[in-house]
Amino acid sequence: MAALLAGDVDLFPRVSAARNLAQFRADKRFQVLVGGRHAKTVLAMNDRKKPLDGVRVRRAIAMAIDRKQVIDGVANGFGTPHGSFYMPDAPDAPGYVDLTAVNAFNPDRARALLKEAGISTPLELSLQLPPAACARHGGEVTTAAVLAYLYQPTAITVAAARLQGVWKNMPIAANDPSALRWG
């Protein structure tokens, strides 16, 4: 950012600190272009581990997440909620089906599903985060912190830990103590 402002560089293709974009938009020397990305973030659940082996519990966890608040809190509003493994703006993803309305944000229904499943609250879960900067924004504002905040009204608590190594190739094993993985 400092190099752009000082005139030391002419182009910066990726600006991770979106909170500074207003400063550049206000400066006539700069043109700010915002484009789409084909990156996605998925919450994976270990459905071989109790109580996540119950579909009502998994649905409750999904319904407790306000995707818009996650995008606003972690990515400064730069993102699109999606309910598919394909991105909605990916031209090479003809299989995209919008499933965002399935298990949409509904904390009251999430609490009811936990009760129907016989879960005593708070439901305590562990959450694994990737070691890369994609799980952090601005240093300490993490996806885990946003999720922990969002889960409070639903009586779900998460304890987060960072994975080490090549996390995308690490499957969740049946005996894995973690319940959730975000990445």
N, C-alpha and C. Protein backbone atom coordinates (compact mmCIF):
# COMPACT_ATOMS: atom_id res chain seq x y z
N MET A 1 0.82 -1.18 0.00
CA MET A 1 0.00 0.00 0.00
C MET A 1 0.88 1.25 0.00
N ALA A 2 1.88 1.23 0.86
CA ALA A 2 2.76 2.39 0.94
C ALA A 2 3.49 2.63 -0.37
N ALA A 3 3.89 1.54 -1.05
CA ALA A 3 4.58 1.68 -2.33
C ALA A 3 3.67 2.31 -3.38
N LEU A 4 2.41 1.95 -3.40
CA LEU A 4 1.46 2.57 -4.33
C LEU A 4 1.32 4.06 -4.03
N LEU A 5 1.11 4.40 -2.78
CA LEU A 5 0.92 5.80 -2.40
C LEU A 5 2.16 6.65 -2.68
N ALA A 6 3.33 6.05 -2.53
CA ALA A 6 4.58 6.78 -2.78
C ALA A 6 4.91 6.88 -4.26
N GLY A 7 4.20 6.12 -5.10
CA GLY A 7 4.49 6.14 -6.53
C GLY A 7 5.61 5.20 -6.92
N ASP A 8 6.03 4.32 -6.03
CA ASP A 8 7.11 3.38 -6.31
C ASP A 8 6.67 2.24 -7.22
N VAL A 9 5.39 1.92 -7.23
CA VAL A 9 4.86 0.89 -8.14
C VAL A 9 3.62 1.46 -8.82
N ASP A 10 3.33 0.94 -10.00
CA ASP A 10 2.20 1.44 -10.78
C ASP A 10 0.96 0.56 -10.68
N LEU A 11 1.15 -0.69 -10.30
CA LEU A 11 0.05 -1.63 -10.30
C LEU A 11 0.22 -2.60 -9.14
N PHE A 12 -0.87 -2.92 -8.51
CA PHE A 12 -0.85 -3.93 -7.47
C PHE A 12 -2.04 -4.83 -7.74
N PRO A 13 -1.80 -6.05 -8.22
CA PRO A 13 -2.91 -6.89 -8.70
C PRO A 13 -3.83 -7.42 -7.61
N ARG A 14 -3.34 -7.60 -6.41
CA ARG A 14 -4.19 -8.13 -5.34
C ARG A 14 -3.99 -7.31 -4.10
N VAL A 15 -5.06 -6.72 -3.65
CA VAL A 15 -5.00 -5.93 -2.43
C VAL A 15 -5.79 -6.67 -1.38
N SER A 16 -5.10 -7.21 -0.39
CA SER A 16 -5.79 -7.98 0.63
C SER A 16 -6.43 -7.09 1.69
N ALA A 17 -5.97 -5.86 1.81
CA ALA A 17 -6.53 -4.96 2.80
C ALA A 17 -7.62 -4.11 2.16
N ALA A 18 -8.78 -4.70 1.94
CA ALA A 18 -9.88 -4.02 1.27
C ALA A 18 -10.33 -2.79 2.04
N ARG A 19 -10.06 -2.75 3.32
CA ARG A 19 -10.49 -1.59 4.12
C ARG A 19 -9.77 -0.32 3.66
N ASN A 20 -8.68 -0.43 2.91
CA ASN A 20 -7.95 0.73 2.41
C ASN A 20 -8.40 1.18 1.02
N LEU A 21 -9.32 0.47 0.40
CA LEU A 21 -9.73 0.81 -0.96
C LEU A 21 -10.35 2.19 -1.06
N ALA A 22 -11.09 2.62 -0.06
CA ALA A 22 -11.73 3.94 -0.10
C ALA A 22 -10.66 5.04 -0.24
N GLN A 23 -9.54 4.84 0.41
CA GLN A 23 -8.44 5.81 0.32
C GLN A 23 -7.95 5.92 -1.13
N PHE A 24 -7.85 4.79 -1.82
CA PHE A 24 -7.38 4.82 -3.21
C PHE A 24 -8.46 5.32 -4.16
N ARG A 25 -9.70 5.00 -3.88
CA ARG A 25 -10.80 5.50 -4.73
C ARG A 25 -10.90 7.02 -4.64
N ALA A 26 -10.61 7.58 -3.48
CA ALA A 26 -10.69 9.03 -3.29
C ALA A 26 -9.52 9.77 -3.93
N ASP A 27 -8.47 9.07 -4.26
CA ASP A 27 -7.27 9.68 -4.83
C ASP A 27 -7.33 9.57 -6.35
N LYS A 28 -7.40 10.70 -7.03
CA LYS A 28 -7.56 10.74 -8.50
C LYS A 28 -6.41 10.08 -9.25
N ARG A 29 -5.29 9.84 -8.60
CA ARG A 29 -4.16 9.18 -9.26
C ARG A 29 -4.42 7.70 -9.50
N PHE A 30 -5.41 7.14 -8.83
CA PHE A 30 -5.63 5.70 -8.89
C PHE A 30 -6.97 5.35 -9.52
N GLN A 31 -6.97 4.22 -10.18
CA GLN A 31 -8.19 3.61 -10.66
C GLN A 31 -8.31 2.26 -9.96
N VAL A 32 -9.39 2.06 -9.24
CA VAL A 32 -9.60 0.82 -8.50
C VAL A 32 -10.59 -0.04 -9.27
N LEU A 33 -10.14 -1.24 -9.62
CA LEU A 33 -10.99 -2.20 -10.32
C LEU A 33 -11.18 -3.40 -9.40
N VAL A 34 -12.41 -3.81 -9.22
CA VAL A 34 -12.71 -4.97 -8.39
C VAL A 34 -13.30 -6.05 -9.28
N GLY A 35 -12.68 -7.19 -9.27
CA GLY A 35 -13.15 -8.30 -10.10
C GLY A 35 -13.50 -9.50 -9.26
N GLY A 36 -14.09 -10.47 -9.89
CA GLY A 36 -14.46 -11.70 -9.21
C GLY A 36 -13.27 -12.61 -9.00
N ARG A 37 -13.44 -13.56 -8.11
CA ARG A 37 -12.42 -14.57 -7.85
C ARG A 37 -13.07 -15.92 -7.97
N HIS A 38 -12.25 -16.90 -8.20
CA HIS A 38 -12.76 -18.26 -8.25
C HIS A 38 -12.39 -19.04 -6.99
N ALA A 39 -11.98 -18.30 -5.97
CA ALA A 39 -11.68 -18.95 -4.69
C ALA A 39 -12.99 -19.14 -3.94
N LYS A 40 -13.01 -20.13 -3.10
CA LYS A 40 -14.20 -20.36 -2.29
C LYS A 40 -13.80 -20.84 -0.92
N THR A 41 -14.70 -20.67 0.00
CA THR A 41 -14.49 -21.13 1.36
C THR A 41 -15.62 -22.08 1.71
N VAL A 42 -15.28 -23.20 2.28
CA VAL A 42 -16.26 -24.23 2.59
C VAL A 42 -16.09 -24.65 4.05
N LEU A 43 -17.20 -24.88 4.71
CA LEU A 43 -17.18 -25.43 6.06
C LEU A 43 -17.43 -26.93 5.93
N ALA A 44 -16.41 -27.73 6.21
CA ALA A 44 -16.53 -29.19 6.14
C ALA A 44 -16.80 -29.74 7.53
N MET A 45 -17.64 -30.75 7.59
CA MET A 45 -18.00 -31.35 8.88
C MET A 45 -17.62 -32.82 8.90
N ASN A 46 -17.12 -33.27 10.03
CA ASN A 46 -16.75 -34.66 10.22
C ASN A 46 -18.02 -35.44 10.59
N ASP A 47 -18.73 -35.93 9.59
CA ASP A 47 -20.01 -36.58 9.84
C ASP A 47 -19.87 -38.01 10.37
N ARG A 48 -18.64 -38.45 10.64
CA ARG A 48 -18.41 -39.75 11.28
C ARG A 48 -18.25 -39.60 12.79
N LYS A 49 -18.31 -38.37 13.25
CA LYS A 49 -18.11 -38.09 14.67
C LYS A 49 -19.43 -37.60 15.27
N LYS A 50 -19.78 -38.16 16.40
CA LYS A 50 -20.99 -37.71 17.10
C LYS A 50 -20.73 -36.31 17.65
N PRO A 51 -21.67 -35.44 17.62
CA PRO A 51 -23.04 -35.57 17.16
C PRO A 51 -23.24 -35.18 15.70
N LEU A 52 -22.13 -34.96 14.98
CA LEU A 52 -22.25 -34.52 13.59
C LEU A 52 -22.73 -35.63 12.65
N ASP A 53 -22.88 -36.84 13.16
CA ASP A 53 -23.43 -37.91 12.34
C ASP A 53 -24.94 -37.75 12.16
N GLY A 54 -25.54 -36.82 12.89
CA GLY A 54 -26.97 -36.54 12.76
C GLY A 54 -27.23 -35.38 11.83
N VAL A 55 -28.10 -35.59 10.86
CA VAL A 55 -28.37 -34.57 9.85
C VAL A 55 -28.96 -33.30 10.48
N ARG A 56 -29.74 -33.43 11.53
CA ARG A 56 -30.32 -32.23 12.16
C ARG A 56 -29.24 -31.35 12.76
N VAL A 57 -28.22 -31.97 13.32
CA VAL A 57 -27.12 -31.19 13.89
C VAL A 57 -26.35 -30.47 12.79
N ARG A 58 -26.07 -31.17 11.70
CA ARG A 58 -25.35 -30.53 10.59
C ARG A 58 -26.17 -29.39 9.99
N ARG A 59 -27.47 -29.60 9.86
CA ARG A 59 -28.33 -28.53 9.34
C ARG A 59 -28.34 -27.34 10.30
N ALA A 60 -28.38 -27.61 11.61
CA ALA A 60 -28.38 -26.53 12.59
C ALA A 60 -27.10 -25.71 12.49
N ILE A 61 -25.98 -26.38 12.33
CA ILE A 61 -24.70 -25.67 12.20
C ILE A 61 -24.72 -24.78 10.96
N ALA A 62 -25.24 -25.30 9.86
CA ALA A 62 -25.33 -24.50 8.63
C ALA A 62 -26.28 -23.32 8.81
N MET A 63 -27.41 -23.53 9.46
CA MET A 63 -28.40 -22.47 9.65
C MET A 63 -27.94 -21.41 10.64
N ALA A 64 -26.94 -21.70 11.44
CA ALA A 64 -26.43 -20.74 12.41
C ALA A 64 -25.45 -19.75 11.79
N ILE A 65 -25.09 -19.97 10.54
CA ILE A 65 -24.11 -19.10 9.88
C ILE A 65 -24.84 -18.09 8.99
N ASP A 66 -24.66 -16.82 9.31
CA ASP A 66 -25.14 -15.75 8.44
C ASP A 66 -24.02 -15.47 7.44
N ARG A 67 -24.13 -16.05 6.27
CA ARG A 67 -23.05 -15.95 5.27
C ARG A 67 -22.71 -14.51 4.93
N LYS A 68 -23.69 -13.63 4.90
CA LYS A 68 -23.44 -12.23 4.60
C LYS A 68 -22.57 -11.60 5.69
N GLN A 69 -22.85 -11.93 6.95
CA GLN A 69 -22.02 -11.39 8.03
C GLN A 69 -20.60 -11.94 7.99
N VAL A 70 -20.44 -13.18 7.59
CA VAL A 70 -19.09 -13.75 7.45
C VAL A 70 -18.34 -12.98 6.36
N ILE A 71 -18.99 -12.76 5.23
CA ILE A 71 -18.35 -12.04 4.12
C ILE A 71 -18.02 -10.61 4.55
N ASP A 72 -18.93 -9.95 5.23
CA ASP A 72 -18.67 -8.58 5.68
C ASP A 72 -17.55 -8.55 6.73
N GLY A 73 -17.57 -9.50 7.66
CA GLY A 73 -16.60 -9.49 8.75
C GLY A 73 -15.21 -9.94 8.37
N VAL A 74 -15.12 -10.87 7.44
CA VAL A 74 -13.83 -11.45 7.09
C VAL A 74 -13.26 -10.84 5.81
N ALA A 75 -14.13 -10.48 4.88
CA ALA A 75 -13.65 -10.02 3.56
C ALA A 75 -14.16 -8.64 3.19
N ASN A 76 -14.52 -7.84 4.18
CA ASN A 76 -14.98 -6.47 3.92
C ASN A 76 -16.09 -6.39 2.88
N GLY A 77 -16.95 -7.40 2.83
CA GLY A 77 -18.06 -7.38 1.91
C GLY A 77 -17.75 -7.88 0.50
N PHE A 78 -16.49 -8.24 0.26
CA PHE A 78 -16.11 -8.73 -1.06
C PHE A 78 -16.29 -10.24 -1.11
N GLY A 79 -17.43 -10.66 -1.59
CA GLY A 79 -17.71 -12.08 -1.70
C GLY A 79 -19.16 -12.30 -2.06
N THR A 80 -19.47 -13.52 -2.39
CA THR A 80 -20.82 -13.90 -2.77
C THR A 80 -21.18 -15.18 -2.04
N PRO A 81 -22.27 -15.18 -1.28
CA PRO A 81 -22.69 -16.45 -0.67
C PRO A 81 -23.03 -17.45 -1.78
N HIS A 82 -22.63 -18.68 -1.57
CA HIS A 82 -22.97 -19.71 -2.55
C HIS A 82 -23.26 -21.00 -1.82
N GLY A 83 -24.12 -21.79 -2.39
CA GLY A 83 -24.49 -23.05 -1.77
C GLY A 83 -24.10 -24.22 -2.65
N SER A 84 -22.94 -24.14 -3.24
CA SER A 84 -22.50 -25.16 -4.17
C SER A 84 -20.99 -25.28 -4.09
N PHE A 85 -20.46 -26.35 -4.62
CA PHE A 85 -19.00 -26.47 -4.70
C PHE A 85 -18.47 -25.72 -5.91
N TYR A 86 -19.35 -25.27 -6.79
CA TYR A 86 -18.97 -24.43 -7.91
C TYR A 86 -19.23 -22.98 -7.53
N MET A 87 -18.50 -22.07 -8.13
CA MET A 87 -18.72 -20.64 -7.90
C MET A 87 -19.75 -20.15 -8.91
N PRO A 88 -20.64 -19.25 -8.49
CA PRO A 88 -21.68 -18.78 -9.40
C PRO A 88 -21.17 -17.99 -10.59
N ASP A 89 -19.99 -17.38 -10.47
CA ASP A 89 -19.47 -16.58 -11.57
C ASP A 89 -18.39 -17.30 -12.38
N ALA A 90 -18.23 -18.59 -12.14
CA ALA A 90 -17.20 -19.35 -12.86
C ALA A 90 -17.76 -19.79 -14.21
N PRO A 91 -17.21 -19.26 -15.30
CA PRO A 91 -17.74 -19.62 -16.61
C PRO A 91 -17.52 -21.10 -16.96
N ASP A 92 -16.56 -21.71 -16.31
CA ASP A 92 -16.27 -23.12 -16.59
C ASP A 92 -16.99 -24.06 -15.63
N ALA A 93 -18.01 -23.55 -14.94
CA ALA A 93 -18.74 -24.36 -13.97
C ALA A 93 -20.21 -24.49 -14.37
N PRO A 94 -20.48 -25.22 -15.43
CA PRO A 94 -21.88 -25.33 -15.87
C PRO A 94 -22.75 -26.09 -14.88
N GLY A 95 -22.14 -26.75 -13.90
CA GLY A 95 -22.90 -27.52 -12.93
C GLY A 95 -23.37 -26.70 -11.74
N TYR A 96 -23.15 -25.38 -11.74
CA TYR A 96 -23.55 -24.57 -10.60
C TYR A 96 -25.07 -24.58 -10.43
N VAL A 97 -25.50 -24.87 -9.22
CA VAL A 97 -26.91 -24.79 -8.85
C VAL A 97 -26.96 -23.96 -7.57
N ASP A 98 -27.77 -22.93 -7.54
CA ASP A 98 -27.85 -22.07 -6.38
C ASP A 98 -28.63 -22.77 -5.26
N LEU A 99 -27.91 -23.17 -4.22
CA LEU A 99 -28.51 -23.86 -3.08
C LEU A 99 -28.43 -23.01 -1.81
N THR A 100 -28.27 -21.68 -1.97
CA THR A 100 -28.12 -20.83 -0.79
C THR A 100 -29.38 -20.82 0.08
N ALA A 101 -30.54 -21.11 -0.48
CA ALA A 101 -31.77 -21.11 0.31
C ALA A 101 -31.91 -22.39 1.14
N VAL A 102 -31.15 -23.43 0.78
CA VAL A 102 -31.20 -24.67 1.55
C VAL A 102 -30.40 -24.45 2.83
N ASN A 103 -31.00 -24.69 3.95
CA ASN A 103 -30.36 -24.46 5.26
C ASN A 103 -29.86 -23.02 5.41
N ALA A 104 -30.66 -22.07 4.91
CA ALA A 104 -30.30 -20.66 5.00
C ALA A 104 -30.29 -20.21 6.46
N PHE A 105 -29.67 -19.07 6.71
CA PHE A 105 -29.52 -18.52 8.05
C PHE A 105 -30.88 -18.43 8.75
N ASN A 106 -30.98 -19.14 9.87
CA ASN A 106 -32.21 -19.15 10.65
C ASN A 106 -31.86 -19.66 12.05
N PRO A 107 -31.39 -18.77 12.94
CA PRO A 107 -30.95 -19.21 14.26
C PRO A 107 -32.06 -19.85 15.09
N ASP A 108 -33.29 -19.40 14.95
CA ASP A 108 -34.39 -20.02 15.70
C ASP A 108 -34.58 -21.47 15.28
N ARG A 109 -34.57 -21.72 13.98
CA ARG A 109 -34.71 -23.09 13.48
C ARG A 109 -33.49 -23.93 13.87
N ALA A 110 -32.31 -23.32 13.88
CA ALA A 110 -31.09 -24.03 14.28
C ALA A 110 -31.21 -24.52 15.72
N ARG A 111 -31.67 -23.64 16.61
CA ARG A 111 -31.85 -24.04 18.01
C ARG A 111 -32.88 -25.16 18.12
N ALA A 112 -33.96 -25.06 17.35
CA ALA A 112 -35.00 -26.08 17.39
C ALA A 112 -34.46 -27.42 16.90
N LEU A 113 -33.65 -27.40 15.84
CA LEU A 113 -33.07 -28.64 15.33
C LEU A 113 -32.14 -29.29 16.35
N LEU A 114 -31.36 -28.48 17.05
CA LEU A 114 -30.47 -29.03 18.09
C LEU A 114 -31.31 -29.68 19.19
N LYS A 115 -32.40 -29.03 19.57
CA LYS A 115 -33.27 -29.59 20.60
C LYS A 115 -33.89 -30.90 20.11
N GLU A 116 -34.39 -30.92 18.85
CA GLU A 116 -34.97 -32.14 18.28
C GLU A 116 -33.95 -33.28 18.25
N ALA A 117 -32.69 -32.94 18.05
CA ALA A 117 -31.64 -33.95 17.97
C ALA A 117 -31.19 -34.40 19.36
N GLY A 118 -31.75 -33.81 20.40
CA GLY A 118 -31.39 -34.20 21.76
C GLY A 118 -30.05 -33.64 22.22
N ILE A 119 -29.61 -32.56 21.62
CA ILE A 119 -28.32 -31.96 21.96
C ILE A 119 -28.49 -31.01 23.13
N SER A 120 -27.72 -31.23 24.18
CA SER A 120 -27.73 -30.27 25.28
C SER A 120 -26.81 -29.13 24.88
N THR A 121 -27.25 -27.93 25.16
CA THR A 121 -26.47 -26.77 24.75
C THR A 121 -25.69 -26.21 25.93
N PRO A 122 -24.57 -25.59 25.69
CA PRO A 122 -24.06 -25.30 24.36
C PRO A 122 -23.41 -26.53 23.70
N LEU A 123 -23.57 -26.61 22.40
CA LEU A 123 -22.89 -27.64 21.62
C LEU A 123 -21.46 -27.15 21.42
N GLU A 124 -20.49 -27.89 21.93
CA GLU A 124 -19.10 -27.48 21.85
C GLU A 124 -18.40 -28.24 20.73
N LEU A 125 -17.84 -27.49 19.78
CA LEU A 125 -17.19 -28.08 18.61
C LEU A 125 -15.77 -27.54 18.47
N SER A 126 -14.92 -28.32 17.85
CA SER A 126 -13.58 -27.84 17.50
C SER A 126 -13.58 -27.46 16.03
N LEU A 127 -12.82 -26.44 15.70
CA LEU A 127 -12.76 -25.91 14.35
C LEU A 127 -11.30 -25.83 13.92
N GLN A 128 -10.97 -26.44 12.79
CA GLN A 128 -9.60 -26.36 12.25
C GLN A 128 -9.58 -25.31 11.15
N LEU A 129 -8.57 -24.45 11.20
CA LEU A 129 -8.39 -23.40 10.20
C LEU A 129 -7.10 -23.64 9.43
N PRO A 130 -7.07 -23.25 8.17
CA PRO A 130 -5.83 -23.39 7.40
C PRO A 130 -4.75 -22.48 7.95
N PRO A 131 -3.49 -22.86 7.75
CA PRO A 131 -2.40 -22.03 8.27
C PRO A 131 -2.18 -20.76 7.45
N ALA A 132 -2.71 -20.72 6.26
CA ALA A 132 -2.45 -19.59 5.35
C ALA A 132 -3.24 -18.35 5.76
N ALA A 133 -2.87 -17.23 5.16
CA ALA A 133 -3.52 -15.95 5.45
C ALA A 133 -4.98 -15.94 5.02
N CYS A 134 -5.42 -16.92 4.25
CA CYS A 134 -6.82 -16.93 3.81
C CYS A 134 -7.77 -17.11 4.98
N ALA A 135 -7.30 -17.56 6.12
CA ALA A 135 -8.16 -17.72 7.29
C ALA A 135 -8.09 -16.50 8.19
N ARG A 136 -7.29 -15.52 7.82
CA ARG A 136 -7.14 -14.32 8.64
C ARG A 136 -7.41 -13.09 7.79
N HIS A 137 -7.89 -12.06 8.45
CA HIS A 137 -8.08 -10.78 7.78
C HIS A 137 -7.58 -9.71 8.73
N GLY A 138 -6.67 -8.91 8.28
CA GLY A 138 -6.18 -7.83 9.10
C GLY A 138 -5.43 -8.30 10.34
N GLY A 139 -4.90 -9.51 10.29
CA GLY A 139 -4.11 -10.01 11.40
C GLY A 139 -4.92 -10.84 12.37
N GLU A 140 -5.68 -10.22 13.23
CA GLU A 140 -6.33 -10.96 14.30
C GLU A 140 -7.82 -11.20 14.10
N VAL A 141 -8.44 -10.51 13.14
CA VAL A 141 -9.85 -10.78 12.88
C VAL A 141 -9.90 -12.04 12.03
N THR A 142 -10.25 -13.14 12.66
CA THR A 142 -10.22 -14.41 11.98
C THR A 142 -11.61 -14.90 11.66
N THR A 143 -11.67 -15.80 10.72
CA THR A 143 -12.91 -16.47 10.40
C THR A 143 -13.47 -17.13 11.66
N ALA A 144 -12.61 -17.71 12.47
CA ALA A 144 -13.05 -18.38 13.69
C ALA A 144 -13.73 -17.39 14.63
N ALA A 145 -13.18 -16.19 14.74
CA ALA A 145 -13.78 -15.19 15.62
C ALA A 145 -15.16 -14.78 15.11
N VAL A 146 -15.29 -14.63 13.81
CA VAL A 146 -16.59 -14.27 13.23
C VAL A 146 -17.58 -15.40 13.46
N LEU A 147 -17.16 -16.64 13.21
CA LEU A 147 -18.06 -17.78 13.42
C LEU A 147 -18.45 -17.91 14.89
N ALA A 148 -17.49 -17.73 15.78
CA ALA A 148 -17.79 -17.83 17.21
C ALA A 148 -18.84 -16.80 17.61
N TYR A 149 -18.71 -15.60 17.08
CA TYR A 149 -19.68 -14.54 17.35
C TYR A 149 -21.06 -14.91 16.80
N LEU A 150 -21.09 -15.41 15.58
CA LEU A 150 -22.37 -15.75 14.95
C LEU A 150 -23.05 -16.93 15.61
N TYR A 151 -22.28 -17.86 16.14
CA TYR A 151 -22.86 -19.04 16.75
C TYR A 151 -23.44 -18.77 18.14
N GLN A 152 -23.06 -17.69 18.79
CA GLN A 152 -23.51 -17.41 20.16
C GLN A 152 -25.03 -17.51 20.34
N PRO A 153 -25.84 -16.86 19.49
CA PRO A 153 -27.29 -16.93 19.71
C PRO A 153 -27.86 -18.34 19.53
N THR A 154 -27.11 -19.22 18.90
CA THR A 154 -27.61 -20.56 18.63
C THR A 154 -27.10 -21.57 19.65
N ALA A 155 -26.33 -21.13 20.62
CA ALA A 155 -25.78 -22.00 21.67
C ALA A 155 -24.80 -23.03 21.10
N ILE A 156 -24.01 -22.60 20.14
CA ILE A 156 -22.92 -23.41 19.60
C ILE A 156 -21.63 -22.67 19.92
N THR A 157 -20.65 -23.37 20.47
CA THR A 157 -19.36 -22.74 20.72
C THR A 157 -18.29 -23.48 19.91
N VAL A 158 -17.30 -22.72 19.46
CA VAL A 158 -16.22 -23.33 18.68
C VAL A 158 -14.87 -22.98 19.31
N ALA A 159 -14.00 -23.97 19.35
CA ALA A 159 -12.61 -23.77 19.77
C ALA A 159 -11.77 -23.98 18.53
N ALA A 160 -11.05 -22.95 18.12
CA ALA A 160 -10.31 -23.00 16.86
C ALA A 160 -8.85 -23.36 17.05
N ALA A 161 -8.30 -24.05 16.08
CA ALA A 161 -6.87 -24.39 16.04
C ALA A 161 -6.42 -24.34 14.59
N ARG A 162 -5.18 -23.91 14.38
CA ARG A 162 -4.63 -23.83 13.02
C ARG A 162 -4.00 -25.16 12.63
N LEU A 163 -4.28 -25.57 11.40
CA LEU A 163 -3.64 -26.76 10.84
C LEU A 163 -2.25 -26.39 10.38
N GLN A 164 -1.37 -27.35 10.37
CA GLN A 164 -0.02 -27.15 9.87
C GLN A 164 0.16 -27.99 8.62
N GLY A 165 0.97 -27.53 7.70
CA GLY A 165 1.28 -28.31 6.51
C GLY A 165 0.32 -28.05 5.36
N VAL A 166 0.23 -29.00 4.47
CA VAL A 166 -0.61 -28.89 3.28
C VAL A 166 -2.02 -29.30 3.65
N TRP A 167 -2.78 -28.37 4.18
CA TRP A 167 -4.07 -28.67 4.78
C TRP A 167 -5.13 -29.09 3.79
N LYS A 168 -5.07 -28.64 2.56
CA LYS A 168 -6.12 -28.99 1.60
C LYS A 168 -6.11 -30.47 1.25
N ASN A 169 -4.99 -31.13 1.45
CA ASN A 169 -4.90 -32.55 1.13
C ASN A 169 -5.09 -33.43 2.36
N MET A 170 -5.51 -32.84 3.45
CA MET A 170 -5.66 -33.59 4.70
C MET A 170 -7.13 -33.96 4.88
N PRO A 171 -7.51 -35.20 4.63
CA PRO A 171 -8.91 -35.58 4.83
C PRO A 171 -9.25 -35.61 6.31
N ILE A 172 -10.53 -35.46 6.60
CA ILE A 172 -10.98 -35.58 7.98
C ILE A 172 -11.22 -37.05 8.24
N ALA A 173 -10.42 -37.64 9.10
CA ALA A 173 -10.55 -39.07 9.41
C ALA A 173 -11.62 -39.29 10.48
N ALA A 174 -12.13 -40.51 10.53
CA ALA A 174 -13.17 -40.84 11.49
C ALA A 174 -12.73 -40.60 12.93
N ASN A 175 -11.45 -40.80 13.21
CA ASN A 175 -10.95 -40.62 14.58
C ASN A 175 -10.38 -39.23 14.82
N ASP A 176 -10.50 -38.34 13.86
CA ASP A 176 -10.01 -36.98 13.99
C ASP A 176 -10.79 -36.28 15.11
N PRO A 177 -10.11 -35.67 16.07
CA PRO A 177 -10.84 -35.03 17.17
C PRO A 177 -11.58 -33.78 16.73
N SER A 178 -11.26 -33.22 15.56
CA SER A 178 -11.93 -32.01 15.13
C SER A 178 -13.32 -32.35 14.58
N ALA A 179 -14.18 -31.39 14.68
CA ALA A 179 -15.53 -31.57 14.16
C ALA A 179 -15.71 -30.80 12.86
N LEU A 180 -15.11 -29.61 12.77
CA LEU A 180 -15.31 -28.74 11.63
C LEU A 180 -13.97 -28.33 11.04
N ARG A 181 -13.97 -28.08 9.74
CA ARG A 181 -12.79 -27.54 9.08
C ARG A 181 -13.24 -26.46 8.12
N TRP A 182 -12.60 -25.30 8.22
CA TRP A 182 -12.96 -24.15 7.40
C TRP A 182 -11.81 -23.86 6.47
N GLY A 183 -12.08 -23.75 5.20
CA GLY A 183 -11.02 -23.41 4.26
C GLY A 183 -11.50 -23.33 2.86
